[in-house]
Amino acid sequence: MPQLNPAPWFAILVFSWLVFITVIPTKVMSHTSPNEPAPLDSEKHETEPWNWPWQ
């Protein structure tokens, strides 16, 4: 039965994992975010307590 011969399927498995391990991570890591985070202001905003009418 030809489907039990592991020779071509093992080679395909090894080659596909080599592609997954070498090519795909380098392509994914080379992408940059279009929206780089901006530094936050160092000033602190003053907050006021809420005036709850039912308390």
PDB file of N, CA and C in Angstrom:
ATOM      1  N   MET A   1       0.853  -1.178   0.000  1.00  0.00           N
ATOM      2  CA  MET A   1       0.000   0.000   0.000  1.00  0.00           C
ATOM      3  C   MET A   1       0.896   1.238   0.000  1.00  0.00           C
ATOM      4  N   PRO A   2       0.738   2.106  -0.971  1.00  0.00           N
ATOM      5  CA  PRO A   2       1.673   3.230  -1.116  1.00  0.00           C
ATOM      6  C   PRO A   2       1.537   4.293  -0.017  1.00  0.00           C
ATOM      7  N   GLN A   3       0.375   4.424   0.617  1.00  0.00           N
ATOM      8  CA  GLN A   3       0.237   5.463   1.627  1.00  0.00           C
ATOM      9  C   GLN A   3       1.019   5.144   2.912  1.00  0.00           C
ATOM     10  N   LEU A   4       1.508   3.918   3.048  1.00  0.00           N
ATOM     11  CA  LEU A   4       2.283   3.562   4.224  1.00  0.00           C
ATOM     12  C   LEU A   4       3.779   3.795   4.043  1.00  0.00           C
ATOM     13  N   ASN A   5       4.192   4.193   2.845  1.00  0.00           N
ATOM     14  CA  ASN A   5       5.604   4.471   2.599  1.00  0.00           C
ATOM     15  C   ASN A   5       5.934   5.846   3.204  1.00  0.00           C
ATOM     16  N   PRO A   6       6.782   5.915   4.239  1.00  0.00           N
ATOM     17  CA  PRO A   6       7.028   7.195   4.911  1.00  0.00           C
ATOM     18  C   PRO A   6       8.038   8.095   4.211  1.00  0.00           C
ATOM     19  N   ALA A   7       8.693   7.627   3.176  1.00  0.00           N
ATOM     20  CA  ALA A   7       9.774   8.402   2.581  1.00  0.00           C
ATOM     21  C   ALA A   7       9.312   9.751   2.022  1.00  0.00           C
ATOM     22  N   PRO A   8       8.312   9.847   1.143  1.00  0.00           N
ATOM     23  CA  PRO A   8       7.979  11.183   0.626  1.00  0.00           C
ATOM     24  C   PRO A   8       7.295  12.052   1.682  1.00  0.00           C
ATOM     25  N   TRP A   9       6.500  11.453   2.563  1.00  0.00           N
ATOM     26  CA  TRP A   9       5.772  12.257   3.541  1.00  0.00           C
ATOM     27  C   TRP A   9       6.697  12.803   4.614  1.00  0.00           C
ATOM     28  N   PHE A  10       7.725  12.051   4.972  1.00  0.00           N
ATOM     29  CA  PHE A  10       8.676  12.554   5.960  1.00  0.00           C
ATOM     30  C   PHE A  10       9.472  13.724   5.390  1.00  0.00           C
ATOM     31  N   ALA A  11       9.847  13.637   4.124  1.00  0.00           N
ATOM     32  CA  ALA A  11      10.580  14.743   3.488  1.00  0.00           C
ATOM     33  C   ALA A  11       9.701  15.983   3.398  1.00  0.00           C
ATOM     34  N   ILE A  12       8.436  15.812   3.065  1.00  0.00           N
ATOM     35  CA  ILE A  12       7.513  16.950   2.998  1.00  0.00           C
ATOM     36  C   ILE A  12       7.332  17.556   4.381  1.00  0.00           C
ATOM     37  N   LEU A  13       7.211  16.728   5.399  1.00  0.00           N
ATOM     38  CA  LEU A  13       7.064  17.218   6.766  1.00  0.00           C
ATOM     39  C   LEU A  13       8.288  18.017   7.201  1.00  0.00           C
ATOM     40  N   VAL A  14       9.465  17.495   6.940  1.00  0.00           N
ATOM     41  CA  VAL A  14      10.694  18.184   7.341  1.00  0.00           C
ATOM     42  C   VAL A  14      10.844  19.495   6.588  1.00  0.00           C
ATOM     43  N   PHE A  15      10.582  19.490   5.305  1.00  0.00           N
ATOM     44  CA  PHE A  15      10.720  20.714   4.516  1.00  0.00           C
ATOM     45  C   PHE A  15       9.717  21.777   4.944  1.00  0.00           C
ATOM     46  N   SER A  16       8.480  21.372   5.214  1.00  0.00           N
ATOM     47  CA  SER A  16       7.483  22.355   5.624  1.00  0.00           C
ATOM     48  C   SER A  16       7.833  22.960   6.983  1.00  0.00           C
ATOM     49  N   TRP A  17       8.373  22.141   7.912  1.00  0.00           N
ATOM     50  CA  TRP A  17       8.769  22.696   9.201  1.00  0.00           C
ATOM     51  C   TRP A  17       9.988  23.598   9.070  1.00  0.00           C
ATOM     52  N   LEU A  18      10.879  23.297   8.158  1.00  0.00           N
ATOM     53  CA  LEU A  18      12.005  24.204   7.915  1.00  0.00           C
ATOM     54  C   LEU A  18      11.512  25.558   7.410  1.00  0.00           C
ATOM     55  N   VAL A  19      10.506  25.530   6.547  1.00  0.00           N
ATOM     56  CA  VAL A  19       9.928  26.785   6.061  1.00  0.00           C
ATOM     57  C   VAL A  19       9.264  27.531   7.209  1.00  0.00           C
ATOM     58  N   PHE A  20       8.502  26.835   8.029  1.00  0.00           N
ATOM     59  CA  PHE A  20       7.820  27.479   9.147  1.00  0.00           C
ATOM     60  C   PHE A  20       8.806  28.077  10.150  1.00  0.00           C
ATOM     61  N   ILE A  21       9.926  27.385  10.373  1.00  0.00           N
ATOM     62  CA  ILE A  21      10.873  27.830  11.391  1.00  0.00           C
ATOM     63  C   ILE A  21      11.786  28.939  10.879  1.00  0.00           C
ATOM     64  N   THR A  22      12.126  28.942   9.599  1.00  0.00           N
ATOM     65  CA  THR A  22      13.115  29.909   9.101  1.00  0.00           C
ATOM     66  C   THR A  22      12.495  31.091   8.369  1.00  0.00           C
ATOM     67  N   VAL A  23      11.573  30.860   7.476  1.00  0.00           N
ATOM     68  CA  VAL A  23      11.080  31.928   6.603  1.00  0.00           C
ATOM     69  C   VAL A  23       9.988  32.749   7.274  1.00  0.00           C
ATOM     70  N   ILE A  24       9.010  32.098   7.833  1.00  0.00           N
ATOM     71  CA  ILE A  24       7.839  32.806   8.340  1.00  0.00           C
ATOM     72  C   ILE A  24       8.175  33.715   9.529  1.00  0.00           C
ATOM     73  N   PRO A  25       8.950  33.300  10.548  1.00  0.00           N
ATOM     74  CA  PRO A  25       9.245  34.238  11.641  1.00  0.00           C
ATOM     75  C   PRO A  25      10.008  35.475  11.184  1.00  0.00           C
ATOM     76  N   THR A  26      10.911  35.334  10.222  1.00  0.00           N
ATOM     77  CA  THR A  26      11.638  36.519   9.758  1.00  0.00           C
ATOM     78  C   THR A  26      10.713  37.477   9.027  1.00  0.00           C
ATOM     79  N   LYS A  27       9.742  36.968   8.282  1.00  0.00           N
ATOM     80  CA  LYS A  27       8.794  37.843   7.606  1.00  0.00           C
ATOM     81  C   LYS A  27       7.870  38.527   8.605  1.00  0.00           C
ATOM     82  N   VAL A  28       7.450  37.810   9.615  1.00  0.00           N
ATOM     83  CA  VAL A  28       6.537  38.390  10.598  1.00  0.00           C
ATOM     84  C   VAL A  28       7.261  39.438  11.444  1.00  0.00           C
ATOM     85  N   MET A  29       8.495  39.156  11.843  1.00  0.00           N
ATOM     86  CA  MET A  29       9.219  40.093  12.695  1.00  0.00           C
ATOM     87  C   MET A  29       9.705  41.331  11.942  1.00  0.00           C
ATOM     88  N   SER A  30       9.714  41.298  10.622  1.00  0.00           N
ATOM     89  CA  SER A  30      10.170  42.470   9.872  1.00  0.00           C
ATOM     90  C   SER A  30       9.077  43.513   9.710  1.00  0.00           C
ATOM     91  N   HIS A  31       7.847  43.178  10.050  1.00  0.00           N
ATOM     92  CA  HIS A  31       6.757  44.140   9.944  1.00  0.00           C
ATOM     93  C   HIS A  31       6.873  45.167  11.071  1.00  0.00           C
ATOM     94  N   THR A  32       6.539  46.401  10.736  1.00  0.00           N
ATOM     95  CA  THR A  32       6.535  47.460  11.738  1.00  0.00           C
ATOM     96  C   THR A  32       5.121  47.981  11.907  1.00  0.00           C
ATOM     97  N   SER A  33       4.869  48.522  13.058  1.00  0.00           N
ATOM     98  CA  SER A  33       3.546  49.066  13.338  1.00  0.00           C
ATOM     99  C   SER A  33       3.413  50.440  12.703  1.00  0.00           C
ATOM    100  N   PRO A  34       2.314  50.727  12.021  1.00  0.00           N
ATOM    101  CA  PRO A  34       2.170  52.052  11.407  1.00  0.00           C
ATOM    102  C   PRO A  34       1.926  53.149  12.443  1.00  0.00           C
ATOM    103  N   ASN A  35       1.450  52.784  13.614  1.00  0.00           N
ATOM    104  CA  ASN A  35       1.165  53.774  14.654  1.00  0.00           C
ATOM    105  C   ASN A  35       2.125  53.563  15.812  1.00  0.00           C
ATOM    106  N   GLU A  36       3.252  54.237  15.749  1.00  0.00           N
ATOM    107  CA  GLU A  36       4.222  54.133  16.831  1.00  0.00           C
ATOM    108  C   GLU A  36       3.681  54.865  18.058  1.00  0.00           C
ATOM    109  N   PRO A  37       3.875  54.327  19.238  1.00  0.00           N
ATOM    110  CA  PRO A  37       3.348  54.997  20.432  1.00  0.00           C
ATOM    111  C   PRO A  37       4.071  56.305  20.701  1.00  0.00           C
ATOM    112  N   ALA A  38       3.301  57.315  21.028  1.00  0.00           N
ATOM    113  CA  ALA A  38       3.867  58.624  21.339  1.00  0.00           C
ATOM    114  C   ALA A  38       4.183  58.680  22.831  1.00  0.00           C
ATOM    115  N   PRO A  39       5.219  59.416  23.208  1.00  0.00           N
ATOM    116  CA  PRO A  39       5.516  59.539  24.641  1.00  0.00           C
ATOM    117  C   PRO A  39       4.421  60.342  25.337  1.00  0.00           C
ATOM    118  N   LEU A  40       4.105  59.922  26.552  1.00  0.00           N
ATOM    119  CA  LEU A  40       3.057  60.596  27.308  1.00  0.00           C
ATOM    120  C   LEU A  40       3.596  61.878  27.942  1.00  0.00           C
ATOM    121  N   ASP A  41       2.692  62.827  28.165  1.00  0.00           N
ATOM    122  CA  ASP A  41       3.078  64.056  28.856  1.00  0.00           C
ATOM    123  C   ASP A  41       3.400  63.742  30.312  1.00  0.00           C
ATOM    124  N   SER A  42       4.351  64.471  30.858  1.00  0.00           N
ATOM    125  CA  SER A  42       4.725  64.227  32.242  1.00  0.00           C
ATOM    126  C   SER A  42       3.854  65.010  33.211  1.00  0.00           C
ATOM    127  N   GLU A  43       3.046  65.934  32.709  1.00  0.00           N
ATOM    128  CA  GLU A  43       2.202  66.712  33.614  1.00  0.00           C
ATOM    129  C   GLU A  43       1.029  65.861  34.094  1.00  0.00           C
ATOM    130  N   LYS A  44       0.657  66.091  35.350  1.00  0.00           N
ATOM    131  CA  LYS A  44      -0.434  65.325  35.934  1.00  0.00           C
ATOM    132  C   LYS A  44      -1.703  66.166  35.871  1.00  0.00           C
ATOM    133  N   HIS A  45      -2.765  65.580  35.388  1.00  0.00           N
ATOM    134  CA  HIS A  45      -4.031  66.289  35.284  1.00  0.00           C
ATOM    135  C   HIS A  45      -4.742  66.265  36.624  1.00  0.00           C
ATOM    136  N   GLU A  46      -5.312  67.399  36.980  1.00  0.00           N
ATOM    137  CA  GLU A  46      -6.047  67.465  38.242  1.00  0.00           C
ATOM    138  C   GLU A  46      -7.455  66.933  38.035  1.00  0.00           C
ATOM    139  N   THR A  47      -7.898  66.139  38.971  1.00  0.00           N
ATOM    140  CA  THR A  47      -9.250  65.595  38.901  1.00  0.00           C
ATOM    141  C   THR A  47     -10.083  66.190  40.024  1.00  0.00           C
ATOM    142  N   GLU A  48     -11.351  66.297  39.766  1.00  0.00           N
ATOM    143  CA  GLU A  48     -12.268  66.825  40.776  1.00  0.00           C
ATOM    144  C   GLU A  48     -13.209  65.710  41.192  1.00  0.00           C
ATOM    145  N   PRO A  49     -13.595  65.690  42.473  1.00  0.00           N
ATOM    146  CA  PRO A  49     -14.548  64.661  42.889  1.00  0.00           C
ATOM    147  C   PRO A  49     -15.939  64.938  42.295  1.00  0.00           C
ATOM    148  N   TRP A  50     -16.659  63.892  42.046  1.00  0.00           N
ATOM    149  CA  TRP A  50     -17.989  64.052  41.493  1.00  0.00           C
ATOM    150  C   TRP A  50     -18.959  64.465  42.601  1.00  0.00           C
ATOM    151  N   ASN A  51     -19.891  65.282  42.231  1.00  0.00           N
ATOM    152  CA  ASN A  51     -20.918  65.720  43.175  1.00  0.00           C
ATOM    153  C   ASN A  51     -22.153  64.855  42.930  1.00  0.00           C
ATOM    154  N   TRP A  52     -22.295  63.812  43.756  1.00  0.00           N
ATOM    155  CA  TRP A  52     -23.426  62.925  43.579  1.00  0.00           C
ATOM    156  C   TRP A  52     -24.652  63.507  44.286  1.00  0.00           C
ATOM    157  N   PRO A  53     -25.756  63.710  43.595  1.00  0.00           N
ATOM    158  CA  PRO A  53     -26.907  64.341  44.235  1.00  0.00           C
ATOM    159  C   PRO A  53     -27.626  63.437  45.227  1.00  0.00           C
ATOM    160  N   TRP A  54     -27.444  62.130  45.197  1.00  0.00           N
ATOM    161  CA  TRP A  54     -28.197  61.254  46.075  1.00  0.00           C
ATOM    162  C   TRP A  54     -27.418  60.891  47.339  1.00  0.00           C
ATOM    163  N   GLN A  55     -26.262  61.481  47.556  1.00  0.00           N
ATOM    164  CA  GLN A  55     -25.539  61.199  48.795  1.00  0.00           C
ATOM    165  C   GLN A  55     -25.526  62.390  49.689  1.00  0.00           C
TER     166      GLN A  55
END
